[in-house]
Amino acid sequence: MHDLPVSRIVAEDIAHFCKYIPETGWRVFDGRYWRHDPSGIYARERVKCQLATIVEAVKANGDIEAVRDARRYLSNTRINAVMSLIMSDPNIVSEHADFDSRPSVLNLRNGTLNLETGQLMHHEATDLLSKIADVAYDPEADCPHFRQVLSWALPSEHAAFLLRYLGYAPVSYTHLRA
């Protein structure tokens, strides 16, 4: 076994969970969004788990010499070598601009909200969202006290404008018109 082919196998297997951005470092998908992993510790753990899986697959074949060779990939030196190689693998390398490039979606605790359709979708790694609003979407939610204050403080057309304005405030998506 050699480092380059092993690194390609590992990169292909972890690309859904780990990305490397040369300017800012590692990002890992936690099931909801791509978290910054400044030290690369979570990405490294994914690599180690994948290398262990490869070793187990080699063991299943029963070739003692191949098992001895594969076990070397569980050493710190080989793990570092694989980490170094996958940092330039096309499955792993991403650009900062690849993330958060869809202004029509808003990532929330309970899913990704499509702002054009109002549909709540499951979190997906392929969405490449690195930010999340710490709130759950509830299409039936109401805010009676806020509406009461608005009706007391503003004429209805101004209140409607303020509600639209506040709806646009958390996102940089302003081409929608009410």
Foldseek 3Di string as FASTA:
>chain_A
DDLVVLLVVLLVVCLQAWAAEPVQGIWGDPQQATERDRVCPVVLVSSLVSLVVVLVVQVVVVDPVVNVVSVVCNDPVNSVSSVVNSNPPPSHYDHPCLAPVDLQWAGEPQAIARNVPRDGHGRGSNNRYHDYDDDDDDPPDDDVVVVVVCVVPHPPVVSVVVVVVVVCVVTPDPPDDD
